[in-house]
Amino acid sequence: VKLNDDIVPLTALEFDLLHFLASHPGRVWRRAELIQE
């Protein structure tokens, strides 16, 4: 993940969570749904 061309240090799970949310912009996810996905 890069922000202003600088690499953002994310853990493996943080990356997976951010990528999943960003892959569905605008959609609201419950906590239980995020855990399952």
Full PDB file with SEQRES, HELIX, SHEET, SSBOND, CRYST1, ORIGX, SCALE, CONECT and MASTER records, all heavy atoms in Angstrom:
SEQRES   1 A   37  VAL LYS LEU ASN ASP ASP ILE VAL PRO LEU THR ALA LEU          
SEQRES   2 A   37  GLU PHE ASP LEU LEU HIS PHE LEU ALA SER HIS PRO GLY          
SEQRES   3 A   37  ARG VAL TRP ARG ARG ALA GLU LEU ILE GLN GLU                  
HELIX    1 AA1 ALA A   12  ALA A   22  1                                  11    
HELIX    2 AA2 ARG A   31  GLN A   36  1                                   6    
SHEET    1 AA1 2 LYS A   2  LEU A   3  0                                        
SHEET    2 AA1 2 ASP A   6  ILE A   7 -1                                        
CRYST1    1.000    1.000    1.000  90.00  90.00  90.00 P 1           1          
ORIGX1      1.000000  0.000000  0.000000        0.00000                         
ORIGX2      0.000000  1.000000  0.000000        0.00000                         
ORIGX3      0.000000  0.000000  1.000000        0.00000                         
SCALE1      1.000000  0.000000  0.000000        0.00000                         
SCALE2      0.000000  1.000000  0.000000        0.00000                         
SCALE3      0.000000  0.000000  1.000000        0.00000                         
ATOM      1  N   VAL A   1       0.867  -1.174   0.000  1.00  0.00           N  
ATOM      2  CA  VAL A   1       0.000   0.000   0.000  1.00  0.00           C  
ATOM      3  C   VAL A   1       0.902   1.221   0.000  1.00  0.00           C  
ATOM      4  O   VAL A   1       1.857   1.308   0.780  1.00  0.00           O  
ATOM      5  CB  VAL A   1      -0.920   0.024   1.234  1.00  0.00           C  
ATOM      6  CG1 VAL A   1      -1.691   1.342   1.302  1.00  0.00           C  
ATOM      7  CG2 VAL A   1      -1.892  -1.147   1.192  1.00  0.00           C  
ATOM      8  N   LYS A   2       0.615   2.154  -0.912  1.00  0.00           N  
ATOM      9  CA  LYS A   2       1.389   3.388  -0.974  1.00  0.00           C  
ATOM     10  C   LYS A   2       0.466   4.585  -0.781  1.00  0.00           C  
ATOM     11  O   LYS A   2      -0.651   4.612  -1.310  1.00  0.00           O  
ATOM     12  CB  LYS A   2       2.117   3.510  -2.320  1.00  0.00           C  
ATOM     13  CG  LYS A   2       3.300   2.555  -2.471  1.00  0.00           C  
ATOM     14  CD  LYS A   2       4.074   2.822  -3.756  1.00  0.00           C  
ATOM     15  CE  LYS A   2       5.296   1.925  -3.866  1.00  0.00           C  
ATOM     16  NZ  LYS A   2       6.070   2.216  -5.108  1.00  0.00           N  
ATOM     17  N   LEU A   3       0.948   5.555  -0.032  1.00  0.00           N  
ATOM     18  CA  LEU A   3       0.233   6.801   0.182  1.00  0.00           C  
ATOM     19  C   LEU A   3       1.202   7.929  -0.129  1.00  0.00           C  
ATOM     20  O   LEU A   3       2.271   8.012   0.483  1.00  0.00           O  
ATOM     21  CB  LEU A   3      -0.259   6.899   1.629  1.00  0.00           C  
ATOM     22  CG  LEU A   3      -1.096   8.128   1.990  1.00  0.00           C  
ATOM     23  CD1 LEU A   3      -2.383   8.168   1.176  1.00  0.00           C  
ATOM     24  CD2 LEU A   3      -1.402   8.149   3.483  1.00  0.00           C  
ATOM     25  N   ASN A   4       0.855   8.759  -1.119  1.00  0.00           N  
ATOM     26  CA  ASN A   4       1.773   9.815  -1.582  1.00  0.00           C  
ATOM     27  C   ASN A   4       3.121   9.228  -1.997  1.00  0.00           C  
ATOM     28  O   ASN A   4       4.189   9.798  -1.712  1.00  0.00           O  
ATOM     29  CB  ASN A   4       1.968  10.874  -0.493  1.00  0.00           C  
ATOM     30  CG  ASN A   4       0.684  11.599  -0.153  1.00  0.00           C  
ATOM     31  OD1 ASN A   4      -0.093  11.944  -1.038  1.00  0.00           O  
ATOM     32  ND2 ASN A   4       0.440  11.801   1.133  1.00  0.00           N  
ATOM     33  N   ASP A   5       3.075   8.043  -2.637  1.00  0.00           N  
ATOM     34  CA  ASP A   5       4.267   7.333  -3.134  1.00  0.00           C  
ATOM     35  C   ASP A   5       5.143   6.751  -2.033  1.00  0.00           C  
ATOM     36  O   ASP A   5       6.215   6.199  -2.317  1.00  0.00           O  
ATOM     37  CB  ASP A   5       5.125   8.233  -4.033  1.00  0.00           C  
ATOM     38  CG  ASP A   5       4.430   8.574  -5.346  1.00  0.00           C  
ATOM     39  OD1 ASP A   5       3.698   7.701  -5.857  1.00  0.00           O  
ATOM     40  OD2 ASP A   5       4.605   9.695  -5.842  1.00  0.00           O  
ATOM     41  N   ASP A   6       4.711   6.844  -0.783  1.00  0.00           N  
ATOM     42  CA  ASP A   6       5.446   6.226   0.328  1.00  0.00           C  
ATOM     43  C   ASP A   6       4.761   4.925   0.728  1.00  0.00           C  
ATOM     44  O   ASP A   6       3.524   4.884   0.838  1.00  0.00           O  
ATOM     45  CB  ASP A   6       5.502   7.166   1.539  1.00  0.00           C  
ATOM     46  CG  ASP A   6       6.304   8.426   1.257  1.00  0.00           C  
ATOM     47  OD1 ASP A   6       7.303   8.328   0.516  1.00  0.00           O  
ATOM     48  OD2 ASP A   6       5.925   9.505   1.767  1.00  0.00           O  
ATOM     49  N   ILE A   7       5.557   3.874   0.952  1.00  0.00           N  
ATOM     50  CA  ILE A   7       4.984   2.591   1.349  1.00  0.00           C  
ATOM     51  C   ILE A   7       4.418   2.679   2.765  1.00  0.00           C  
ATOM     52  O   ILE A   7       5.076   3.182   3.684  1.00  0.00           O  
ATOM     53  CB  ILE A   7       6.034   1.468   1.260  1.00  0.00           C  
ATOM     54  CG1 ILE A   7       6.389   1.199  -0.211  1.00  0.00           C  
ATOM     55  CG2 ILE A   7       5.528   0.189   1.921  1.00  0.00           C  
ATOM     56  CD1 ILE A   7       7.422   0.111  -0.415  1.00  0.00           C  
ATOM     57  N   VAL A   8       3.195   2.208   2.934  1.00  0.00           N  
ATOM     58  CA  VAL A   8       2.540   2.181   4.246  1.00  0.00           C  
ATOM     59  C   VAL A   8       2.789   0.803   4.870  1.00  0.00           C  
ATOM     60  O   VAL A   8       2.424  -0.218   4.283  1.00  0.00           O  
ATOM     61  CB  VAL A   8       1.019   2.416   4.108  1.00  0.00           C  
ATOM     62  CG1 VAL A   8       0.348   2.354   5.476  1.00  0.00           C  
ATOM     63  CG2 VAL A   8       0.745   3.752   3.430  1.00  0.00           C  
ATOM     64  N   PRO A   9       3.422   0.727   6.035  1.00  0.00           N  
ATOM     65  CA  PRO A   9       3.724  -0.569   6.653  1.00  0.00           C  
ATOM     66  C   PRO A   9       2.492  -1.191   7.310  1.00  0.00           C  
ATOM     67  O   PRO A   9       2.099  -0.806   8.414  1.00  0.00           O  
ATOM     68  CB  PRO A   9       4.786  -0.214   7.702  1.00  0.00           C  
ATOM     69  CG  PRO A   9       4.469   1.205   8.079  1.00  0.00           C  
ATOM     70  CD  PRO A   9       3.919   1.860   6.851  1.00  0.00           C  
ATOM     71  N   LEU A  10       1.873  -2.133   6.621  1.00  0.00           N  
ATOM     72  CA  LEU A  10       0.702  -2.822   7.153  1.00  0.00           C  
ATOM     73  C   LEU A  10       1.048  -4.271   7.486  1.00  0.00           C  
ATOM     74  O   LEU A  10       1.873  -4.893   6.813  1.00  0.00           O  
ATOM     75  CB  LEU A  10      -0.442  -2.814   6.134  1.00  0.00           C  
ATOM     76  CG  LEU A  10      -1.049  -1.466   5.732  1.00  0.00           C  
ATOM     77  CD1 LEU A  10      -2.123  -1.676   4.678  1.00  0.00           C  
ATOM     78  CD2 LEU A  10      -1.629  -0.739   6.941  1.00  0.00           C  
ATOM     79  N   THR A  11       0.408  -4.814   8.518  1.00  0.00           N  
ATOM     80  CA  THR A  11       0.546  -6.242   8.790  1.00  0.00           C  
ATOM     81  C   THR A  11      -0.251  -7.009   7.733  1.00  0.00           C  
ATOM     82  O   THR A  11      -1.051  -6.424   6.980  1.00  0.00           O  
ATOM     83  CB  THR A  11       0.014  -6.607  10.185  1.00  0.00           C  
ATOM     84  OG1 THR A  11      -1.413  -6.440  10.197  1.00  0.00           O  
ATOM     85  CG2 THR A  11       0.642  -5.724  11.264  1.00  0.00           C  
ATOM     86  N   ALA A  12      -0.060  -8.317   7.683  1.00  0.00           N  
ATOM     87  CA  ALA A  12      -0.756  -9.140   6.691  1.00  0.00           C  
ATOM     88  C   ALA A  12      -2.277  -9.003   6.820  1.00  0.00           C  
ATOM     89  O   ALA A  12      -2.989  -8.855   5.824  1.00  0.00           O  
ATOM     90  CB  ALA A  12      -0.338 -10.607   6.843  1.00  0.00           C  
ATOM     91  N   LEU A  13      -2.768  -9.042   8.047  1.00  0.00           N  
ATOM     92  CA  LEU A  13      -4.213  -8.968   8.245  1.00  0.00           C  
ATOM     93  C   LEU A  13      -4.742  -7.565   7.965  1.00  0.00           C  
ATOM     94  O   LEU A  13      -5.835  -7.400   7.416  1.00  0.00           O  
ATOM     95  CB  LEU A  13      -4.569  -9.402   9.667  1.00  0.00           C  
ATOM     96  CG  LEU A  13      -6.062  -9.579   9.975  1.00  0.00           C  
ATOM     97  CD1 LEU A  13      -6.743 -10.464   8.937  1.00  0.00           C  
ATOM     98  CD2 LEU A  13      -6.252 -10.148  11.362  1.00  0.00           C  
ATOM     99  N   GLU A  14      -3.967  -6.540   8.329  1.00  0.00           N  
ATOM    100  CA  GLU A  14      -4.385  -5.171   8.023  1.00  0.00           C  
ATOM    101  C   GLU A  14      -4.504  -4.979   6.516  1.00  0.00           C  
ATOM    102  O   GLU A  14      -5.458  -4.348   6.034  1.00  0.00           O  
ATOM    103  CB  GLU A  14      -3.375  -4.173   8.601  1.00  0.00           C  
ATOM    104  CG  GLU A  14      -3.434  -4.035  10.113  1.00  0.00           C  
ATOM    105  CD  GLU A  14      -2.252  -3.288  10.694  1.00  0.00           C  
ATOM    106  OE1 GLU A  14      -1.393  -2.812   9.920  1.00  0.00           O  
ATOM    107  OE2 GLU A  14      -2.170  -3.192  11.935  1.00  0.00           O  
ATOM    108  N   PHE A  15      -3.543  -5.536   5.764  1.00  0.00           N  
ATOM    109  CA  PHE A  15      -3.620  -5.419   4.307  1.00  0.00           C  
ATOM    110  C   PHE A  15      -4.876  -6.101   3.782  1.00  0.00           C  
ATOM    111  O   PHE A  15      -5.599  -5.550   2.956  1.00  0.00           O  
ATOM    112  CB  PHE A  15      -2.389  -6.026   3.630  1.00  0.00           C  
ATOM    113  CG  PHE A  15      -2.458  -5.957   2.122  1.00  0.00           C  
ATOM    114  CD1 PHE A  15      -1.980  -4.838   1.446  1.00  0.00           C  
ATOM    115  CD2 PHE A  15      -3.041  -6.985   1.387  1.00  0.00           C  
ATOM    116  CE1 PHE A  15      -2.090  -4.746   0.065  1.00  0.00           C  
ATOM    117  CE2 PHE A  15      -3.150  -6.902   0.004  1.00  0.00           C  
ATOM    118  CZ  PHE A  15      -2.665  -5.780  -0.658  1.00  0.00           C  
ATOM    119  N   ASP A  16      -5.134  -7.328   4.248  1.00  0.00           N  
ATOM    120  CA  ASP A  16      -6.302  -8.076   3.772  1.00  0.00           C  
ATOM    121  C   ASP A  16      -7.591  -7.321   4.064  1.00  0.00           C  
ATOM    122  O   ASP A  16      -8.505  -7.270   3.227  1.00  0.00           O  
ATOM    123  CB  ASP A  16      -6.345  -9.459   4.440  1.00  0.00           C  
ATOM    124  CG  ASP A  16      -5.263 -10.391   3.933  1.00  0.00           C  
ATOM    125  OD1 ASP A  16      -4.690 -10.112   2.861  1.00  0.00           O  
ATOM    126  OD2 ASP A  16      -4.976 -11.403   4.607  1.00  0.00           O  
ATOM    127  N   LEU A  17      -7.676  -6.728   5.246  1.00  0.00           N  
ATOM    128  CA  LEU A  17      -8.890  -6.006   5.634  1.00  0.00           C  
ATOM    129  C   LEU A  17      -9.070  -4.747   4.796  1.00  0.00           C  
ATOM    130  O   LEU A  17     -10.167  -4.476   4.284  1.00  0.00           O  
ATOM    131  CB  LEU A  17      -8.825  -5.666   7.129  1.00  0.00           C  
ATOM    132  CG  LEU A  17     -10.029  -4.955   7.741  1.00  0.00           C  
ATOM    133  CD1 LEU A  17     -11.316  -5.725   7.489  1.00  0.00           C  
ATOM    134  CD2 LEU A  17      -9.806  -4.754   9.245  1.00  0.00           C  
ATOM    135  N   LEU A  18      -7.993  -3.979   4.623  1.00  0.00           N  
ATOM    136  CA  LEU A  18      -8.082  -2.762   3.817  1.00  0.00           C  
ATOM    137  C   LEU A  18      -8.412  -3.094   2.362  1.00  0.00           C  
ATOM    138  O   LEU A  18      -9.269  -2.444   1.745  1.00  0.00           O  
ATOM    139  CB  LEU A  18      -6.763  -1.989   3.882  1.00  0.00           C  
ATOM    140  CG  LEU A  18      -6.663  -0.747   2.971  1.00  0.00           C  
ATOM    141  CD1 LEU A  18      -7.745   0.267   3.301  1.00  0.00           C  
ATOM    142  CD2 LEU A  18      -5.278  -0.113   3.074  1.00  0.00           C  
ATOM    143  N   HIS A  19      -7.748  -4.106   1.812  1.00  0.00           N  
ATOM    144  CA  HIS A  19      -7.985  -4.475   0.418  1.00  0.00           C  
ATOM    145  C   HIS A  19      -9.430  -4.926   0.212  1.00  0.00           C  
ATOM    146  O   HIS A  19     -10.066  -4.581  -0.785  1.00  0.00           O  
ATOM    147  CB  HIS A  19      -7.018  -5.577  -0.018  1.00  0.00           C  
ATOM    148  CG  HIS A  19      -7.180  -5.984  -1.447  1.00  0.00           C  
ATOM    149  ND1 HIS A  19      -7.824  -7.152  -1.824  1.00  0.00           N  
ATOM    150  CD2 HIS A  19      -6.819  -5.370  -2.607  1.00  0.00           C  
ATOM    151  CE1 HIS A  19      -7.836  -7.236  -3.149  1.00  0.00           C  
ATOM    152  NE2 HIS A  19      -7.243  -6.177  -3.641  1.00  0.00           N  
ATOM    153  N   PHE A  20      -9.958  -5.681   1.166  1.00  0.00           N  
ATOM    154  CA  PHE A  20     -11.338  -6.146   1.043  1.00  0.00           C  
ATOM    155  C   PHE A  20     -12.308  -4.972   1.069  1.00  0.00           C  
ATOM    156  O   PHE A  20     -13.202  -4.869   0.215  1.00  0.00           O  
ATOM    157  CB  PHE A  20     -11.677  -7.133   2.164  1.00  0.00           C  
ATOM    158  CG  PHE A  20     -13.092  -7.635   2.088  1.00  0.00           C  
ATOM    159  CD1 PHE A  20     -13.446  -8.627   1.179  1.00  0.00           C  
ATOM    160  CD2 PHE A  20     -14.075  -7.094   2.894  1.00  0.00           C  
ATOM    161  CE1 PHE A  20     -14.757  -9.066   1.078  1.00  0.00           C  
ATOM    162  CE2 PHE A  20     -15.388  -7.534   2.807  1.00  0.00           C  
ATOM    163  CZ  PHE A  20     -15.730  -8.525   1.896  1.00  0.00           C  
ATOM    164  N   LEU A  21     -12.143  -4.072   2.026  1.00  0.00           N  
ATOM    165  CA  LEU A  21     -13.044  -2.916   2.112  1.00  0.00           C  
ATOM    166  C   LEU A  21     -12.938  -2.045   0.861  1.00  0.00           C  
ATOM    167  O   LEU A  21     -13.954  -1.609   0.305  1.00  0.00           O  
ATOM    168  CB  LEU A  21     -12.707  -2.085   3.353  1.00  0.00           C  
ATOM    169  CG  LEU A  21     -13.132  -2.666   4.706  1.00  0.00           C  
ATOM    170  CD1 LEU A  21     -12.477  -1.886   5.841  1.00  0.00           C  
ATOM    171  CD2 LEU A  21     -14.640  -2.647   4.854  1.00  0.00           C  
ATOM    172  N   ALA A  22     -11.702  -1.819   0.399  1.00  0.00           N  
ATOM    173  CA  ALA A  22     -11.490  -0.949  -0.768  1.00  0.00           C  
ATOM    174  C   ALA A  22     -11.985  -1.590  -2.057  1.00  0.00           C  
ATOM    175  O   ALA A  22     -12.248  -0.888  -3.039  1.00  0.00           O  
ATOM    176  CB  ALA A  22     -10.010  -0.604  -0.891  1.00  0.00           C  
ATOM    177  N   SER A  23     -12.113  -2.919  -2.063  1.00  0.00           N  
ATOM    178  CA  SER A  23     -12.621  -3.618  -3.246  1.00  0.00           C  
ATOM    179  C   SER A  23     -14.135  -3.454  -3.382  1.00  0.00           C  
ATOM    180  O   SER A  23     -14.702  -3.782  -4.423  1.00  0.00           O  
ATOM    181  CB  SER A  23     -12.282  -5.114  -3.169  1.00  0.00           C  
ATOM    182  OG  SER A  23     -10.878  -5.315  -3.196  1.00  0.00           O  
ATOM    183  N   HIS A  24     -14.789  -2.956  -2.324  1.00  0.00           N  
ATOM    184  CA  HIS A  24     -16.249  -2.758  -2.334  1.00  0.00           C  
ATOM    185  C   HIS A  24     -16.565  -1.355  -1.822  1.00  0.00           C  
ATOM    186  O   HIS A  24     -17.229  -1.194  -0.788  1.00  0.00           O  
ATOM    187  CB  HIS A  24     -16.941  -3.807  -1.458  1.00  0.00           C  
ATOM    188  CG  HIS A  24     -16.589  -5.219  -1.797  1.00  0.00           C  
ATOM    189  ND1 HIS A  24     -15.472  -5.861  -1.295  1.00  0.00           N  
ATOM    190  CD2 HIS A  24     -17.193  -6.114  -2.620  1.00  0.00           C  
ATOM    191  CE1 HIS A  24     -15.421  -7.086  -1.773  1.00  0.00           C  
ATOM    192  NE2 HIS A  24     -16.444  -7.267  -2.585  1.00  0.00           N  
ATOM    193  N   PRO A  25     -16.075  -0.308  -2.504  1.00  0.00           N  
ATOM    194  CA  PRO A  25     -16.289   1.061  -2.016  1.00  0.00           C  
ATOM    195  C   PRO A  25     -17.766   1.399  -1.878  1.00  0.00           C  
ATOM    196  O   PRO A  25     -18.579   1.049  -2.732  1.00  0.00           O  
ATOM    197  CB  PRO A  25     -15.614   1.929  -3.085  1.00  0.00           C  
ATOM    198  CG  PRO A  25     -15.536   1.070  -4.304  1.00  0.00           C  
ATOM    199  CD  PRO A  25     -15.380  -0.336  -3.809  1.00  0.00           C  
ATOM    200  N   GLY A  26     -18.080   2.041  -0.763  1.00  0.00           N  
ATOM    201  CA  GLY A  26     -19.454   2.478  -0.526  1.00  0.00           C  
ATOM    202  C   GLY A  26     -20.330   1.454   0.161  1.00  0.00           C  
ATOM    203  O   GLY A  26     -21.380   1.798   0.701  1.00  0.00           O  
ATOM    204  N   ARG A  27     -19.907   0.183   0.151  1.00  0.00           N  
ATOM    205  CA  ARG A  27     -20.734  -0.844   0.790  1.00  0.00           C  
ATOM    206  C   ARG A  27     -20.446  -0.905   2.287  1.00  0.00           C  
ATOM    207  O   ARG A  27     -19.299  -0.866   2.710  1.00  0.00           O  
ATOM    208  CB  ARG A  27     -20.471  -2.215   0.165  1.00  0.00           C  
ATOM    209  CG  ARG A  27     -21.215  -3.317   0.906  1.00  0.00           C  
ATOM    210  CD  ARG A  27     -21.313  -4.608   0.173  1.00  0.00           C  
ATOM    211  NE  ARG A  27     -21.934  -5.616   1.008  1.00  0.00           N  
ATOM    212  CZ  ARG A  27     -22.161  -6.864   0.635  1.00  0.00           C  
ATOM    213  NH1 ARG A  27     -21.821  -7.266  -0.568  1.00  0.00           N  
ATOM    214  NH2 ARG A  27     -22.725  -7.723   1.462  1.00  0.00           N  
ATOM    215  N   VAL A  28     -21.497  -1.016   3.075  1.00  0.00           N  
ATOM    216  CA  VAL A  28     -21.366  -1.097   4.529  1.00  0.00           C  
ATOM    217  C   VAL A  28     -21.283  -2.563   4.944  1.00  0.00           C  
ATOM    218  O   VAL A  28     -22.070  -3.398   4.495  1.00  0.00           O  
ATOM    219  CB  VAL A  28     -22.570  -0.428   5.222  1.00  0.00           C  
ATOM    220  CG1 VAL A  28     -22.420  -0.508   6.736  1.00  0.00           C  
ATOM    221  CG2 VAL A  28     -22.713   1.018   4.774  1.00  0.00           C  
ATOM    222  N   TRP A  29     -20.299  -2.866   5.786  1.00  0.00           N  
ATOM    223  CA  TRP A  29     -20.080  -4.242   6.259  1.00  0.00           C  
ATOM    224  C   TRP A  29     -20.214  -4.297   7.777  1.00  0.00           C  
ATOM    225  O   TRP A  29     -19.628  -3.480   8.490  1.00  0.00           O  
ATOM    226  CB  TRP A  29     -18.681  -4.735   5.872  1.00  0.00           C  
ATOM    227  CG  TRP A  29     -18.466  -4.822   4.407  1.00  0.00           C  
ATOM    228  CD1 TRP A  29     -17.976  -3.853   3.579  1.00  0.00           C  
ATOM    229  CD2 TRP A  29     -18.736  -5.949   3.563  1.00  0.00           C  
ATOM    230  NE1 TRP A  29     -17.925  -4.303   2.285  1.00  0.00           N  
ATOM    231  CE2 TRP A  29     -18.385  -5.585   2.238  1.00  0.00           C  
ATOM    232  CE3 TRP A  29     -19.235  -7.230   3.791  1.00  0.00           C  
ATOM    233  CZ2 TRP A  29     -18.512  -6.448   1.165  1.00  0.00           C  
ATOM    234  CZ3 TRP A  29     -19.367  -8.104   2.727  1.00  0.00           C  
ATOM    235  CH2 TRP A  29     -19.014  -7.709   1.423  1.00  0.00           C  
ATOM    236  N   ARG A  30     -20.981  -5.276   8.246  1.00  0.00           N  
ATOM    237  CA  ARG A  30     -21.042  -5.517   9.688  1.00  0.00           C  
ATOM    238  C   ARG A  30     -19.747  -6.185  10.141  1.00  0.00           C  
ATOM    239  O   ARG A  30     -19.056  -6.822   9.335  1.00  0.00           O  
ATOM    240  CB  ARG A  30     -22.236  -6.418  10.026  1.00  0.00           C  
ATOM    241  CG  ARG A  30     -23.582  -5.800   9.686  1.00  0.00           C  
ATOM    242  CD  ARG A  30     -24.735  -6.727  10.069  1.00  0.00           C  
ATOM    243  NE  ARG A  30     -26.014  -6.148   9.688  1.00  0.00           N  
ATOM    244  CZ  ARG A  30     -26.673  -5.262  10.402  1.00  0.00           C  
ATOM    245  NH1 ARG A  30     -26.181  -4.858  11.570  1.00  0.00           N  
ATOM    246  NH2 ARG A  30     -27.821  -4.772   9.985  1.00  0.00           N  
ATOM    247  N   ARG A  31     -19.430  -6.062  11.421  1.00  0.00           N  
ATOM    248  CA  ARG A  31     -18.212  -6.682  11.944  1.00  0.00           C  
ATOM    249  C   ARG A  31     -18.198  -8.182  11.692  1.00  0.00           C  
ATOM    250  O   ARG A  31     -17.180  -8.753  11.303  1.00  0.00           O  
ATOM    251  CB  ARG A  31     -18.075  -6.391  13.448  1.00  0.00           C  
ATOM    252  CG  ARG A  31     -17.764  -4.938  13.756  1.00  0.00           C  
ATOM    253  CD  ARG A  31     -17.860  -4.663  15.255  1.00  0.00           C  
ATOM    254  NE  ARG A  31     -17.586  -3.266  15.572  1.00  0.00           N  
ATOM    255  CZ  ARG A  31     -18.470  -2.287  15.430  1.00  0.00           C  
ATOM    256  NH1 ARG A  31     -19.681  -2.530  14.962  1.00  0.00           N  
ATOM    257  NH2 ARG A  31     -18.136  -1.042  15.755  1.00  0.00           N  
ATOM    258  N   ALA A  32     -19.332  -8.842  11.927  1.00  0.00           N  
ATOM    259  CA  ALA A  32     -19.405 -10.293  11.735  1.00  0.00           C  
ATOM    260  C   ALA A  32     -19.141 -10.663  10.275  1.00  0.00           C  
ATOM    261  O   ALA A  32     -18.522 -11.692   9.985  1.00  0.00           O  
ATOM    262  CB  ALA A  32     -20.773 -10.821  12.176  1.00  0.00           C  
ATOM    263  N   GLU A  33     -19.623  -9.834   9.351  1.00  0.00           N  
ATOM    264  CA  GLU A  33     -19.401 -10.093   7.925  1.00  0.00           C  
ATOM    265  C   GLU A  33     -17.922  -9.943   7.576  1.00  0.00           C  
ATOM    266  O   GLU A  33     -17.364 -10.745   6.808  1.00  0.00           O  
ATOM    267  CB  GLU A  33     -20.234  -9.133   7.081  1.00  0.00           C  
ATOM    268  CG  GLU A  33     -21.721  -9.386   7.148  1.00  0.00           C  
ATOM    269  CD  GLU A  33     -22.525  -8.347   6.377  1.00  0.00           C  
ATOM    270  OE1 GLU A  33     -22.174  -7.154   6.422  1.00  0.00           O  
ATOM    271  OE2 GLU A  33     -23.504  -8.737   5.724  1.00  0.00           O  
ATOM    272  N   LEU A  34     -17.279  -8.926   8.140  1.00  0.00           N  
ATOM    273  CA  LEU A  34     -15.854  -8.722   7.874  1.00  0.00           C  
ATOM    274  C   LEU A  34     -15.027  -9.869   8.420  1.00  0.00           C  
ATOM    275  O   LEU A  34     -14.078 -10.338   7.786  1.00  0.00           O  
ATOM    276  CB  LEU A  34     -15.393  -7.393   8.474  1.00  0.00           C  
ATOM    277  CG  LEU A  34     -15.918  -6.145   7.777  1.00  0.00           C  
ATOM    278  CD1 LEU A  34     -15.551  -4.896   8.575  1.00  0.00           C  
ATOM    279  CD2 LEU A  34     -15.372  -6.039   6.357  1.00  0.00           C  
ATOM    280  N   ILE A  35     -15.384 -10.344   9.606  1.00  0.00           N  
ATOM    281  CA  ILE A  35     -14.670 -11.484  10.186  1.00  0.00           C  
ATOM    282  C   ILE A  35     -14.809 -12.705   9.290  1.00  0.00           C  
ATOM    283  O   ILE A  35     -13.842 -13.419   9.010  1.00  0.00           O  
ATOM    284  CB  ILE A  35     -15.194 -11.779  11.607  1.00  0.00           C  
ATOM    285  CG1 ILE A  35     -14.663 -10.703  12.572  1.00  0.00           C  
ATOM    286  CG2 ILE A  35     -14.773 -13.167  12.072  1.00  0.00           C  
ATOM    287  CD1 ILE A  35     -15.253 -10.763  13.954  1.00  0.00           C  
ATOM    288  N   GLN A  36     -16.021 -12.947   8.798  1.00  0.00           N  
ATOM    289  CA  GLN A  36     -16.248 -14.111   7.944  1.00  0.00           C  
ATOM    290  C   GLN A  36     -15.516 -13.979   6.615  1.00  0.00           C  
ATOM    291  O   GLN A  36     -14.944 -14.943   6.107  1.00  0.00           O  
ATOM    292  CB  GLN A  36     -17.748 -14.283   7.694  1.00  0.00           C  
ATOM    293  CG  GLN A  36     -18.084 -15.578   6.965  1.00  0.00           C  
ATOM    294  CD  GLN A  36     -19.583 -15.829   6.915  1.00  0.00           C  
ATOM    295  OE1 GLN A  36     -20.375 -14.980   7.309  1.00  0.00           O  
ATOM    296  NE2 GLN A  36     -19.967 -16.992   6.451  1.00  0.00           N  
ATOM    297  N   GLU A  37     -15.500 -12.786   6.041  1.00  0.00           N  
ATOM    298  CA  GLU A  37     -14.895 -12.580   4.728  1.00  0.00           C  
ATOM    299  C   GLU A  37     -13.374 -12.480   4.781  1.00  0.00           C  
ATOM    300  O   GLU A  37     -12.678 -13.018   3.919  1.00  0.00           O  
ATOM    301  CB  GLU A  37     -15.466 -11.303   4.089  1.00  0.00           C  
ATOM    302  CG  GLU A  37     -16.943 -11.365   3.751  1.00  0.00           C  
ATOM    303  CD  GLU A  37     -17.240 -12.266   2.559  1.00  0.00           C  
ATOM    304  OE1 GLU A  37     -16.298 -12.608   1.834  1.00  0.00           O  
ATOM    305  OE2 GLU A  37     -18.409 -12.617   2.379  1.00  0.00           O  
TER     306      GLU A  37                                                      
MASTER        0    0    0    2    2    0    0    6  305    1    0    3          
END                                                                             
